[in-house]
């Protein structure tokens, strides 16, 4: 998870591999979250939900009871030409609504 615009860039474009999964709170400034996956591997539902909770918690939607999260393989994320660090565009995303579970974020933050 990137914590700041430069860290988001480093995570997304230097650490992550094209087949890893990238998540972000839709329509909000915030952290990029990357789930490392083996090529051809599907993300387990629990891992996807955990990563979505982290993306929402570390975004402008922090504190909201629910939010929308987009996810896409890293190979479909591109830097905005001439844009600020951390500013990206992405295609082929899937989006879903996440209802923040009580205690879910706290449990995840303890592990980070």
PDB file of N, CA and C in Angstrom:
ATOM      1  N   UNK A   1       0.847  -1.166   0.000  1.00  0.00           N
ATOM      2  CA  UNK A   1       0.000   0.000   0.000  1.00  0.00           C
ATOM      3  C   UNK A   1       0.894   1.231   0.000  1.00  0.00           C
ATOM      4  N   UNK A   2       0.608   2.153  -0.909  1.00  0.00           N
ATOM      5  CA  UNK A   2       1.338   3.404  -0.954  1.00  0.00           C
ATOM      6  C   UNK A   2       0.786   4.378   0.074  1.00  0.00           C
ATOM      7  N   UNK A   3       1.663   5.091   0.726  1.00  0.00           N
ATOM      8  CA  UNK A   3       1.236   6.095   1.712  1.00  0.00           C
ATOM      9  C   UNK A   3       1.787   7.444   1.290  1.00  0.00           C
ATOM     10  N   UNK A   4       1.145   8.039   0.324  1.00  0.00           N
ATOM     11  CA  UNK A   4       1.596   9.293  -0.250  1.00  0.00           C
ATOM     12  C   UNK A   4       1.811   9.134  -1.740  1.00  0.00           C
ATOM     13  N   UNK A   5       1.833  10.244  -2.453  1.00  0.00           N
ATOM     14  CA  UNK A   5       1.876  10.183  -3.906  1.00  0.00           C
ATOM     15  C   UNK A   5       3.156   9.544  -4.459  1.00  0.00           C
ATOM     16  N   UNK A   6       4.310   9.865  -3.872  1.00  0.00           N
ATOM     17  CA  UNK A   6       5.556   9.252  -4.359  1.00  0.00           C
ATOM     18  C   UNK A   6       5.580   7.752  -4.055  1.00  0.00           C
ATOM     19  N   UNK A   7       5.084   7.380  -2.890  1.00  0.00           N
ATOM     20  CA  UNK A   7       5.022   5.960  -2.529  1.00  0.00           C
ATOM     21  C   UNK A   7       4.038   5.214  -3.432  1.00  0.00           C
ATOM     22  N   UNK A   8       2.934   5.863  -3.804  1.00  0.00           N
ATOM     23  CA  UNK A   8       1.990   5.252  -4.744  1.00  0.00           C
ATOM     24  C   UNK A   8       2.670   4.975  -6.074  1.00  0.00           C
ATOM     25  N   UNK A   9       3.423   5.957  -6.581  1.00  0.00           N
ATOM     26  CA  UNK A   9       4.147   5.766  -7.845  1.00  0.00           C
ATOM     27  C   UNK A   9       5.142   4.613  -7.740  1.00  0.00           C
ATOM     28  N   UNK A  10       5.923   4.604  -6.679  1.00  0.00           N
ATOM     29  CA  UNK A  10       6.935   3.558  -6.513  1.00  0.00           C
ATOM     30  C   UNK A  10       6.278   2.181  -6.447  1.00  0.00           C
ATOM     31  N   UNK A  11       5.222   2.069  -5.671  1.00  0.00           N
ATOM     32  CA  UNK A  11       4.531   0.785  -5.528  1.00  0.00           C
ATOM     33  C   UNK A  11       3.973   0.314  -6.864  1.00  0.00           C
ATOM     34  N   UNK A  12       3.245   1.198  -7.528  1.00  0.00           N
ATOM     35  CA  UNK A  12       2.533   0.808  -8.747  1.00  0.00           C
ATOM     36  C   UNK A  12       3.458   0.571  -9.928  1.00  0.00           C
ATOM     37  N   UNK A  13       4.509   1.394 -10.055  1.00  0.00           N
ATOM     38  CA  UNK A  13       5.319   1.331 -11.272  1.00  0.00           C
ATOM     39  C   UNK A  13       6.712   0.736 -11.099  1.00  0.00           C
ATOM     40  N   UNK A  14       7.146   0.508  -9.858  1.00  0.00           N
ATOM     41  CA  UNK A  14       8.472  -0.080  -9.651  1.00  0.00           C
ATOM     42  C   UNK A  14       8.410  -1.428  -8.942  1.00  0.00           C
ATOM     43  N   UNK A  15       7.485  -1.581  -8.006  1.00  0.00           N
ATOM     44  CA  UNK A  15       7.398  -2.813  -7.217  1.00  0.00           C
ATOM     45  C   UNK A  15       6.426  -3.813  -7.845  1.00  0.00           C
ATOM     46  N   UNK A  16       5.242  -3.345  -8.200  1.00  0.00           N
ATOM     47  CA  UNK A  16       4.186  -4.230  -8.710  1.00  0.00           C
ATOM     48  C   UNK A  16       4.542  -4.799 -10.077  1.00  0.00           C
ATOM     49  N   UNK A  17       4.073  -5.992 -10.323  1.00  0.00           N
ATOM     50  CA  UNK A  17       4.239  -6.669 -11.602  1.00  0.00           C
ATOM     51  C   UNK A  17       2.942  -6.521 -12.395  1.00  0.00           C
ATOM     52  N   UNK A  18       2.999  -6.643 -13.722  1.00  0.00           N
ATOM     53  CA  UNK A  18       1.803  -6.430 -14.550  1.00  0.00           C
ATOM     54  C   UNK A  18       0.603  -7.299 -14.165  1.00  0.00           C
ATOM     55  N   UNK A  19       0.838  -8.495 -13.644  1.00  0.00           N
ATOM     56  CA  UNK A  19      -0.262  -9.401 -13.310  1.00  0.00           C
ATOM     57  C   UNK A  19      -0.777  -9.216 -11.883  1.00  0.00           C
ATOM     58  N   UNK A  20      -0.125  -8.361 -11.092  1.00  0.00           N
ATOM     59  CA  UNK A  20      -0.625  -8.071  -9.749  1.00  0.00           C
ATOM     60  C   UNK A  20      -1.916  -7.266  -9.861  1.00  0.00           C
ATOM     61  N   UNK A  21      -2.695  -7.258  -8.793  1.00  0.00           N
ATOM     62  CA  UNK A  21      -3.975  -6.560  -8.793  1.00  0.00           C
ATOM     63  C   UNK A  21      -3.830  -5.215  -8.091  1.00  0.00           C
ATOM     64  N   UNK A  22      -4.321  -4.153  -8.722  1.00  0.00           N
ATOM     65  CA  UNK A  22      -4.233  -2.785  -8.211  1.00  0.00           C
ATOM     66  C   UNK A  22      -5.626  -2.325  -7.797  1.00  0.00           C
ATOM     67  N   UNK A  23      -5.727  -1.718  -6.620  1.00  0.00           N
ATOM     68  CA  UNK A  23      -7.013  -1.218  -6.117  1.00  0.00           C
ATOM     69  C   UNK A  23      -6.892   0.239  -5.693  1.00  0.00           C
ATOM     70  N   UNK A  24      -8.034   0.936  -5.768  1.00  0.00           N
ATOM     71  CA  UNK A  24      -8.082   2.349  -5.373  1.00  0.00           C
ATOM     72  C   UNK A  24      -9.539   2.712  -5.071  1.00  0.00           C
ATOM     73  N   UNK A  25      -9.727   3.583  -4.085  1.00  0.00           N
ATOM     74  CA  UNK A  25     -11.064   4.090  -3.784  1.00  0.00           C
ATOM     75  C   UNK A  25     -11.521   4.938  -4.970  1.00  0.00           C
ATOM     76  N   UNK A  26     -12.630   4.574  -5.560  1.00  0.00           N
ATOM     77  CA  UNK A  26     -13.092   5.242  -6.781  1.00  0.00           C
ATOM     78  C   UNK A  26     -13.506   6.682  -6.491  1.00  0.00           C
ATOM     79  N   UNK A  27     -12.950   7.604  -7.305  1.00  0.00           N
ATOM     80  CA  UNK A  27     -13.323   8.997  -7.209  1.00  0.00           C
ATOM     81  C   UNK A  27     -12.782   9.724  -5.989  1.00  0.00           C
ATOM     82  N   UNK A  28     -11.807   9.134  -5.306  1.00  0.00           N
ATOM     83  CA  UNK A  28     -11.251   9.717  -4.083  1.00  0.00           C
ATOM     84  C   UNK A  28      -9.730   9.780  -4.194  1.00  0.00           C
ATOM     85  N   UNK A  29      -9.112  10.794  -3.600  1.00  0.00           N
ATOM     86  CA  UNK A  29      -7.654  10.730  -3.487  1.00  0.00           C
ATOM     87  C   UNK A  29      -7.308   9.686  -2.439  1.00  0.00           C
ATOM     88  N   UNK A  30      -6.196   9.006  -2.609  1.00  0.00           N
ATOM     89  CA  UNK A  30      -5.823   8.025  -1.599  1.00  0.00           C
ATOM     90  C   UNK A  30      -4.763   7.058  -2.053  1.00  0.00           C
ATOM     91  N   UNK A  31      -4.535   6.079  -1.209  1.00  0.00           N
ATOM     92  CA  UNK A  31      -3.482   5.086  -1.417  1.00  0.00           C
ATOM     93  C   UNK A  31      -3.791   4.136  -2.559  1.00  0.00           C
ATOM     94  N   UNK A  32      -2.728   3.749  -3.258  1.00  0.00           N
ATOM     95  CA  UNK A  32      -2.814   2.634  -4.191  1.00  0.00           C
ATOM     96  C   UNK A  32      -2.560   1.383  -3.355  1.00  0.00           C
ATOM     97  N   UNK A  33      -3.340   0.363  -3.577  1.00  0.00           N
ATOM     98  CA  UNK A  33      -3.150  -0.911  -2.890  1.00  0.00           C
ATOM     99  C   UNK A  33      -2.883  -1.962  -3.957  1.00  0.00           C
ATOM    100  N   UNK A  34      -1.838  -2.747  -3.778  1.00  0.00           N
ATOM    101  CA  UNK A  34      -1.485  -3.783  -4.749  1.00  0.00           C
ATOM    102  C   UNK A  34      -1.500  -5.137  -4.052  1.00  0.00           C
ATOM    103  N   UNK A  35      -2.170  -6.086  -4.692  1.00  0.00           N
ATOM    104  CA  UNK A  35      -2.205  -7.467  -4.202  1.00  0.00           C
ATOM    105  C   UNK A  35      -1.319  -8.297  -5.129  1.00  0.00           C
ATOM    106  N   UNK A  36      -0.214  -8.824  -4.609  1.00  0.00           N
ATOM    107  CA  UNK A  36       0.649  -9.656  -5.463  1.00  0.00           C
ATOM    108  C   UNK A  36      -0.032 -10.993  -5.747  1.00  0.00           C
ATOM    109  N   UNK A  37      -0.072 -11.350  -7.001  1.00  0.00           N
ATOM    110  CA  UNK A  37      -0.666 -12.615  -7.432  1.00  0.00           C
ATOM    111  C   UNK A  37       0.285 -13.318  -8.383  1.00  0.00           C
ATOM    112  N   UNK A  38       0.207 -14.619  -8.404  1.00  0.00           N
ATOM    113  CA  UNK A  38       0.933 -15.385  -9.413  1.00  0.00           C
ATOM    114  C   UNK A  38       0.205 -15.221 -10.739  1.00  0.00           C
ATOM    115  N   UNK A  39       0.931 -15.328 -11.854  1.00  0.00           N
ATOM    116  CA  UNK A  39       0.296 -15.226 -13.172  1.00  0.00           C
ATOM    117  C   UNK A  39      -0.851 -16.226 -13.280  1.00  0.00           C
ATOM    118  N   UNK A  40      -1.977 -15.758 -13.770  1.00  0.00           N
ATOM    119  CA  UNK A  40      -3.138 -16.620 -13.975  1.00  0.00           C
ATOM    120  C   UNK A  40      -3.937 -16.924 -12.728  1.00  0.00           C
ATOM    121  N   UNK A  41      -3.479 -16.461 -11.579  1.00  0.00           N
ATOM    122  CA  UNK A  41      -4.172 -16.746 -10.306  1.00  0.00           C
ATOM    123  C   UNK A  41      -5.326 -15.763 -10.099  1.00  0.00           C
ATOM    124  N   UNK A  42      -6.436 -16.268  -9.611  1.00  0.00           N
ATOM    125  CA  UNK A  42      -7.575 -15.430  -9.237  1.00  0.00           C
ATOM    126  C   UNK A  42      -7.375 -14.966  -7.808  1.00  0.00           C
ATOM    127  N   UNK A  43      -7.785 -13.747  -7.521  1.00  0.00           N
ATOM    128  CA  UNK A  43      -7.654 -13.223  -6.162  1.00  0.00           C
ATOM    129  C   UNK A  43      -8.755 -13.849  -5.291  1.00  0.00           C
ATOM    130  N   UNK A  44      -8.393 -14.399  -4.133  1.00  0.00           N
ATOM    131  CA  UNK A  44      -9.416 -14.921  -3.225  1.00  0.00           C
ATOM    132  C   UNK A  44     -10.333 -13.781  -2.758  1.00  0.00           C
ATOM    133  N   UNK A  45     -11.615 -14.050  -2.643  1.00  0.00           N
ATOM    134  CA  UNK A  45     -12.608 -13.042  -2.277  1.00  0.00           C
ATOM    135  C   UNK A  45     -12.246 -12.322  -0.975  1.00  0.00           C
ATOM    136  N   UNK A  46     -11.770 -13.056   0.019  1.00  0.00           N
ATOM    137  CA  UNK A  46     -11.410 -12.454   1.304  1.00  0.00           C
ATOM    138  C   UNK A  46     -10.252 -11.470   1.158  1.00  0.00           C
ATOM    139  N   UNK A  47      -9.274 -11.816   0.329  1.00  0.00           N
ATOM    140  CA  UNK A  47      -8.120 -10.938   0.095  1.00  0.00           C
ATOM    141  C   UNK A  47      -8.569  -9.675  -0.635  1.00  0.00           C
ATOM    142  N   UNK A  48      -9.437  -9.825  -1.631  1.00  0.00           N
ATOM    143  CA  UNK A  48      -9.962  -8.674  -2.369  1.00  0.00           C
ATOM    144  C   UNK A  48     -10.705  -7.728  -1.428  1.00  0.00           C
ATOM    145  N   UNK A  49     -11.520  -8.279  -0.563  1.00  0.00           N
ATOM    146  CA  UNK A  49     -12.285  -7.462   0.382  1.00  0.00           C
ATOM    147  C   UNK A  49     -11.363  -6.763   1.386  1.00  0.00           C
ATOM    148  N   UNK A  50     -10.357  -7.468   1.884  1.00  0.00           N
ATOM    149  CA  UNK A  50      -9.397  -6.856   2.809  1.00  0.00           C
ATOM    150  C   UNK A  50      -8.664  -5.689   2.138  1.00  0.00           C
ATOM    151  N   UNK A  51      -8.207  -5.901   0.905  1.00  0.00           N
ATOM    152  CA  UNK A  51      -7.493  -4.846   0.179  1.00  0.00           C
ATOM    153  C   UNK A  51      -8.410  -3.657  -0.083  1.00  0.00           C
ATOM    154  N   UNK A  52      -9.674  -3.915  -0.371  1.00  0.00           N
ATOM    155  CA  UNK A  52     -10.640  -2.838  -0.599  1.00  0.00           C
ATOM    156  C   UNK A  52     -10.862  -2.022   0.668  1.00  0.00           C
ATOM    157  N   UNK A  53     -10.940  -2.693   1.814  1.00  0.00           N
ATOM    158  CA  UNK A  53     -11.078  -1.982   3.087  1.00  0.00           C
ATOM    159  C   UNK A  53      -9.887  -1.043   3.314  1.00  0.00           C
ATOM    160  N   UNK A  54      -8.684  -1.520   3.023  1.00  0.00           N
ATOM    161  CA  UNK A  54      -7.494  -0.690   3.194  1.00  0.00           C
ATOM    162  C   UNK A  54      -7.508   0.494   2.231  1.00  0.00           C
ATOM    163  N   UNK A  55      -7.917   0.258   0.990  1.00  0.00           N
ATOM    164  CA  UNK A  55      -7.983   1.343   0.009  1.00  0.00           C
ATOM    165  C   UNK A  55      -8.958   2.423   0.471  1.00  0.00           C
ATOM    166  N   UNK A  56     -10.086   2.028   1.014  1.00  0.00           N
ATOM    167  CA  UNK A  56     -11.072   3.004   1.491  1.00  0.00           C
ATOM    168  C   UNK A  56     -10.577   3.731   2.732  1.00  0.00           C
ATOM    169  N   UNK A  57      -9.970   2.987   3.646  1.00  0.00           N
ATOM    170  CA  UNK A  57      -9.500   3.590   4.891  1.00  0.00           C
ATOM    171  C   UNK A  57      -8.423   4.649   4.634  1.00  0.00           C
ATOM    172  N   UNK A  58      -7.594   4.414   3.636  1.00  0.00           N
ATOM    173  CA  UNK A  58      -6.499   5.335   3.325  1.00  0.00           C
ATOM    174  C   UNK A  58      -6.858   6.217   2.124  1.00  0.00           C
ATOM    175  N   UNK A  59      -8.082   6.735   2.133  1.00  0.00           N
ATOM    176  CA  UNK A  59      -8.551   7.597   1.047  1.00  0.00           C
ATOM    177  C   UNK A  59      -9.409   8.717   1.620  1.00  0.00           C
ATOM    178  N   UNK A  60      -9.918   9.533   0.732  1.00  0.00           N
ATOM    179  CA  UNK A  60     -10.822  10.594   1.137  1.00  0.00           C
ATOM    180  C   UNK A  60     -12.135  10.070   1.679  1.00  0.00           C
ATOM    181  N   UNK A  61     -12.403   8.780   1.528  1.00  0.00           N
ATOM    182  CA  UNK A  61     -13.631   8.175   2.035  1.00  0.00           C
ATOM    183  C   UNK A  61     -13.470   7.631   3.456  1.00  0.00           C
ATOM    184  N   UNK A  62     -12.316   7.872   4.069  1.00  0.00           N
ATOM    185  CA  UNK A  62     -12.063   7.364   5.426  1.00  0.00           C
ATOM    186  C   UNK A  62     -13.174   7.818   6.367  1.00  0.00           C
ATOM    187  N   UNK A  63     -13.681   6.877   7.152  1.00  0.00           N
ATOM    188  CA  UNK A  63     -14.730   7.177   8.113  1.00  0.00           C
ATOM    189  C   UNK A  63     -16.138   6.990   7.584  1.00  0.00           C
ATOM    190  N   UNK A  64     -16.277   6.814   6.278  1.00  0.00           N
ATOM    191  CA  UNK A  64     -17.597   6.574   5.696  1.00  0.00           C
ATOM    192  C   UNK A  64     -18.002   5.118   5.940  1.00  0.00           C
ATOM    193  N   UNK A  65     -19.300   4.836   6.030  1.00  0.00           N
ATOM    194  CA  UNK A  65     -19.738   3.459   6.279  1.00  0.00           C
ATOM    195  C   UNK A  65     -19.601   2.534   5.068  1.00  0.00           C
ATOM    196  N   UNK A  66     -19.475   3.127   3.882  1.00  0.00           N
ATOM    197  CA  UNK A  66     -19.316   2.319   2.662  1.00  0.00           C
ATOM    198  C   UNK A  66     -18.627   3.162   1.607  1.00  0.00           C
ATOM    199  N   UNK A  67     -18.134   2.487   0.600  1.00  0.00           N
ATOM    200  CA  UNK A  67     -17.472   3.192  -0.485  1.00  0.00           C
ATOM    201  C   UNK A  67     -17.322   2.300  -1.690  1.00  0.00           C
ATOM    202  N   UNK A  68     -16.925   2.905  -2.785  1.00  0.00           N
ATOM    203  CA  UNK A  68     -16.751   2.199  -4.037  1.00  0.00           C
ATOM    204  C   UNK A  68     -15.256   2.022  -4.297  1.00  0.00           C
ATOM    205  N   UNK A  69     -14.866   0.827  -4.684  1.00  0.00           N
ATOM    206  CA  UNK A  69     -13.462   0.517  -4.949  1.00  0.00           C
ATOM    207  C   UNK A  69     -13.341  -0.049  -6.358  1.00  0.00           C
ATOM    208  N   UNK A  70     -12.345   0.462  -7.085  1.00  0.00           N
ATOM    209  CA  UNK A  70     -12.042  -0.058  -8.421  1.00  0.00           C
ATOM    210  C   UNK A  70     -10.809  -0.942  -8.325  1.00  0.00           C
ATOM    211  N   UNK A  71     -10.779  -1.985  -9.146  1.00  0.00           N
ATOM    212  CA  UNK A  71      -9.597  -2.844  -9.194  1.00  0.00           C
ATOM    213  C   UNK A  71      -9.351  -3.293 -10.617  1.00  0.00           C
ATOM    214  N   UNK A  72      -8.069  -3.507 -10.907  1.00  0.00           N
ATOM    215  CA  UNK A  72      -7.646  -3.823 -12.263  1.00  0.00           C
ATOM    216  C   UNK A  72      -6.241  -4.418 -12.186  1.00  0.00           C
ATOM    217  N   UNK A  73      -5.864  -5.296 -13.116  1.00  0.00           N
ATOM    218  CA  UNK A  73      -4.462  -5.715 -13.150  1.00  0.00           C
ATOM    219  C   UNK A  73      -3.564  -4.488 -13.376  1.00  0.00           C
ATOM    220  N   UNK A  74      -2.398  -4.481 -12.754  1.00  0.00           N
ATOM    221  CA  UNK A  74      -1.471  -3.347 -12.831  1.00  0.00           C
ATOM    222  C   UNK A  74      -1.150  -2.978 -14.276  1.00  0.00           C
ATOM    223  N   UNK A  75      -1.148  -3.949 -15.186  1.00  0.00           N
ATOM    224  CA  UNK A  75      -0.790  -3.647 -16.576  1.00  0.00           C
ATOM    225  C   UNK A  75      -1.746  -2.661 -17.238  1.00  0.00           C
ATOM    226  N   UNK A  76      -2.907  -2.418 -16.625  1.00  0.00           N
ATOM    227  CA  UNK A  76      -3.864  -1.465 -17.180  1.00  0.00           C
ATOM    228  C   UNK A  76      -3.850  -0.120 -16.455  1.00  0.00           C
ATOM    229  N   UNK A  77      -2.832   0.119 -15.628  1.00  0.00           N
ATOM    230  CA  UNK A  77      -2.673   1.393 -14.916  1.00  0.00           C
ATOM    231  C   UNK A  77      -1.538   2.155 -15.578  1.00  0.00           C
ATOM    232  N   UNK A  78      -1.780   3.433 -15.883  1.00  0.00           N
ATOM    233  CA  UNK A  78      -0.772   4.272 -16.532  1.00  0.00           C
ATOM    234  C   UNK A  78      -0.656   5.604 -15.796  1.00  0.00           C
ATOM    235  N   UNK A  79       0.542   6.160 -15.799  1.00  0.00           N
ATOM    236  CA  UNK A  79       0.746   7.499 -15.240  1.00  0.00           C
ATOM    237  C   UNK A  79       0.078   8.522 -16.158  1.00  0.00           C
ATOM    238  N   UNK A  80      -0.447   9.591 -15.564  1.00  0.00           N
ATOM    239  CA  UNK A  80      -0.984  10.700 -16.344  1.00  0.00           C
ATOM    240  C   UNK A  80       0.205  11.471 -16.894  1.00  0.00           C
ATOM    241  N   UNK A  81       0.267  11.640 -18.205  1.00  0.00           N
ATOM    242  CA  UNK A  81       1.393  12.350 -18.826  1.00  0.00           C
ATOM    243  C   UNK A  81       1.452  13.769 -18.278  1.00  0.00           C
ATOM    244  N   UNK A  82       2.579  14.107 -17.676  1.00  0.00           N
ATOM    245  CA  UNK A  82       2.759  15.427 -17.089  1.00  0.00           C
ATOM    246  C   UNK A  82       2.016  15.620 -15.771  1.00  0.00           C
ATOM    247  N   UNK A  83       1.404  14.557 -15.274  1.00  0.00           N
ATOM    248  CA  UNK A  83       0.635  14.643 -14.028  1.00  0.00           C
ATOM    249  C   UNK A  83       1.518  14.583 -12.797  1.00  0.00           C
ATOM    250  N   UNK A  84       0.936  14.926 -11.687  1.00  0.00           N
ATOM    251  CA  UNK A  84       1.630  14.890 -10.403  1.00  0.00           C
ATOM    252  C   UNK A  84       1.922  13.439 -10.011  1.00  0.00           C
ATOM    253  N   UNK A  85       2.894  13.223  -9.129  1.00  0.00           N
ATOM    254  CA  UNK A  85       3.156  11.864  -8.636  1.00  0.00           C
ATOM    255  C   UNK A  85       1.867  11.251  -8.070  1.00  0.00           C
ATOM    256  N   UNK A  86       1.679   9.987  -8.357  1.00  0.00           N
ATOM    257  CA  UNK A  86       0.505   9.271  -7.857  1.00  0.00           C
ATOM    258  C   UNK A  86      -0.731   9.414  -8.723  1.00  0.00           C
ATOM    259  N   UNK A  87      -0.710  10.313  -9.687  1.00  0.00           N
ATOM    260  CA  UNK A  87      -1.858  10.533 -10.548  1.00  0.00           C
ATOM    261  C   UNK A  87      -1.822   9.521 -11.685  1.00  0.00           C
ATOM    262  N   UNK A  88      -2.887   8.732 -11.804  1.00  0.00           N
ATOM    263  CA  UNK A  88      -2.933   7.663 -12.794  1.00  0.00           C
ATOM    264  C   UNK A  88      -4.270   7.656 -13.517  1.00  0.00           C
ATOM    265  N   UNK A  89      -4.274   6.947 -14.623  1.00  0.00           N
ATOM    266  CA  UNK A  89      -5.511   6.587 -15.306  1.00  0.00           C
ATOM    267  C   UNK A  89      -5.477   5.069 -15.442  1.00  0.00           C
ATOM    268  N   UNK A  90      -6.642   4.472 -15.521  1.00  0.00           N
ATOM    269  CA  UNK A  90      -6.695   3.024 -15.662  1.00  0.00           C
ATOM    270  C   UNK A  90      -7.890   2.637 -16.510  1.00  0.00           C
ATOM    271  N   UNK A  91      -7.788   1.471 -17.134  1.00  0.00           N
ATOM    272  CA  UNK A  91      -8.849   0.968 -17.999  1.00  0.00           C
ATOM    273  C   UNK A  91      -9.199  -0.452 -17.576  1.00  0.00           C
ATOM    274  N   UNK A  92     -10.309  -0.940 -18.092  1.00  0.00           N
ATOM    275  CA  UNK A  92     -10.771  -2.319 -17.864  1.00  0.00           C
ATOM    276  C   UNK A  92     -11.034  -2.628 -16.396  1.00  0.00           C
ATOM    277  N   UNK A  93     -11.339  -1.584 -15.617  1.00  0.00           N
ATOM    278  CA  UNK A  93     -11.536  -1.800 -14.187  1.00  0.00           C
ATOM    279  C   UNK A  93     -12.882  -2.465 -13.895  1.00  0.00           C
ATOM    280  N   UNK A  94     -12.906  -3.095 -12.761  1.00  0.00           N
ATOM    281  CA  UNK A  94     -14.139  -3.598 -12.165  1.00  0.00           C
ATOM    282  C   UNK A  94     -14.324  -2.773 -10.897  1.00  0.00           C
ATOM    283  N   UNK A  95     -15.547  -2.516 -10.559  1.00  0.00           N
ATOM    284  CA  UNK A  95     -15.839  -1.682  -9.397  1.00  0.00           C
ATOM    285  C   UNK A  95     -16.896  -2.371  -8.554  1.00  0.00           C
ATOM    286  N   UNK A  96     -16.747  -2.251  -7.234  1.00  0.00           N
ATOM    287  CA  UNK A  96     -17.766  -2.812  -6.354  1.00  0.00           C
ATOM    288  C   UNK A  96     -17.916  -1.954  -5.106  1.00  0.00           C
ATOM    289  N   UNK A  97     -19.074  -2.043  -4.490  1.00  0.00           N
ATOM    290  CA  UNK A  97     -19.379  -1.334  -3.255  1.00  0.00           C
ATOM    291  C   UNK A  97     -18.889  -2.159  -2.076  1.00  0.00           C
ATOM    292  N   UNK A  98     -18.293  -1.476  -1.115  1.00  0.00           N
ATOM    293  CA  UNK A  98     -17.814  -2.146   0.083  1.00  0.00           C
ATOM    294  C   UNK A  98     -18.480  -1.506   1.287  1.00  0.00           C
ATOM    295  N   UNK A  99     -19.089  -2.327   2.106  1.00  0.00           N
ATOM    296  CA  UNK A  99     -19.627  -1.869   3.382  1.00  0.00           C
ATOM    297  C   UNK A  99     -18.564  -2.175   4.424  1.00  0.00           C
ATOM    298  N   UNK A 100     -18.132  -1.147   5.127  1.00  0.00           N
ATOM    299  CA  UNK A 100     -17.052  -1.315   6.096  1.00  0.00           C
ATOM    300  C   UNK A 100     -17.555  -2.147   7.273  1.00  0.00           C
ATOM    301  N   UNK A 101     -16.901  -3.278   7.481  1.00  0.00           N
ATOM    302  CA  UNK A 101     -17.267  -4.165   8.587  1.00  0.00           C
ATOM    303  C   UNK A 101     -16.723  -3.651   9.902  1.00  0.00           C
ATOM    304  N   UNK A 102     -17.494  -3.781  10.962  1.00  0.00           N
ATOM    305  CA  UNK A 102     -17.005  -3.324  12.272  1.00  0.00           C
ATOM    306  C   UNK A 102     -15.745  -4.087  12.673  1.00  0.00           C
ATOM    307  N   UNK A 103     -14.721  -3.351  13.018  1.00  0.00           N
ATOM    308  CA  UNK A 103     -13.460  -3.965  13.436  1.00  0.00           C
ATOM    309  C   UNK A 103     -12.590  -4.449  12.299  1.00  0.00           C
ATOM    310  N   UNK A 104     -13.113  -4.457  11.089  1.00  0.00           N
ATOM    311  CA  UNK A 104     -12.369  -4.983   9.938  1.00  0.00           C
ATOM    312  C   UNK A 104     -11.086  -4.185   9.695  1.00  0.00           C
ATOM    313  N   UNK A 105     -11.199  -2.872   9.651  1.00  0.00           N
ATOM    314  CA  UNK A 105     -10.037  -2.035   9.361  1.00  0.00           C
ATOM    315  C   UNK A 105      -9.001  -2.147  10.482  1.00  0.00           C
ATOM    316  N   UNK A 106      -9.450  -2.123  11.721  1.00  0.00           N
ATOM    317  CA  UNK A 106      -8.526  -2.249  12.853  1.00  0.00           C
ATOM    318  C   UNK A 106      -7.731  -3.542  12.799  1.00  0.00           C
ATOM    319  N   UNK A 107      -8.386  -4.633  12.477  1.00  0.00           N
ATOM    320  CA  UNK A 107      -7.723  -5.928  12.362  1.00  0.00           C
ATOM    321  C   UNK A 107      -6.659  -5.896  11.257  1.00  0.00           C
ATOM    322  N   UNK A 108      -7.000  -5.260  10.140  1.00  0.00           N
ATOM    323  CA  UNK A 108      -6.054  -5.188   9.025  1.00  0.00           C
ATOM    324  C   UNK A 108      -4.875  -4.285   9.330  1.00  0.00           C
ATOM    325  N   UNK A 109      -5.128  -3.178  10.016  1.00  0.00           N
ATOM    326  CA  UNK A 109      -4.054  -2.245  10.345  1.00  0.00           C
ATOM    327  C   UNK A 109      -3.062  -2.856  11.320  1.00  0.00           C
ATOM    328  N   UNK A 110      -3.519  -3.727  12.172  1.00  0.00           N
ATOM    329  CA  UNK A 110      -2.614  -4.417  13.104  1.00  0.00           C
ATOM    330  C   UNK A 110      -1.620  -5.293  12.339  1.00  0.00           C
ATOM    331  N   UNK A 111      -2.042  -5.818  11.205  1.00  0.00           N
ATOM    332  CA  UNK A 111      -1.186  -6.707  10.403  1.00  0.00           C
ATOM    333  C   UNK A 111      -0.245  -5.953   9.477  1.00  0.00           C
ATOM    334  N   UNK A 112      -0.532  -4.666   9.221  1.00  0.00           N
ATOM    335  CA  UNK A 112       0.289  -3.885   8.265  1.00  0.00           C
ATOM    336  C   UNK A 112       1.539  -3.347   8.911  1.00  0.00           C
TER     337      UNK A 112
END
